[in-house]
């Protein structure tokens, strides 16, 4: 509301020094916040809304949160997420569990969809989504795993 002993000058107009307001919206159990967004959340989500319209993700409950901080260029990290070339060498068990030859990466409106049919029972459903610029959504049979990539300064 105010800082002690600040702004009591008769010529001081607090409305000219107000904090930015934050617009927020909850969509499918996910909280989105923005300061002065250039477009609506629906426009920003692009192809994601129809992509997961039938998913019951808004009914899932939070279980845990993990925070990882590592030294990597965030653009290389996200590039790596959307390509499948690294899977055989980096994720050999996962590689064996999917039909790797049928792995597809498709660029859509503000989103990239990666998909691969599971060979057998796999905890992933075979669909991973990356939304520009910095978040991912992996879909499981009974849950979701959203990830946010936040670049930090050096």
Foldseek 3Di string as FASTA:
>chain_A
DDDPPPQPPPPRDVVVVDDFDWDWDADLLDIDIDGPDPDDPPLQCFPVCVVCVVPNSSPDDDDDDDDDDDDDDQVVVVVVVQDCPCCCPPPVVVVVQWPVVPWDWDDGRQKIWTATPTPDDDQFRGIKMDGPDFKIWTDGPRHIDIDGDDDDDD
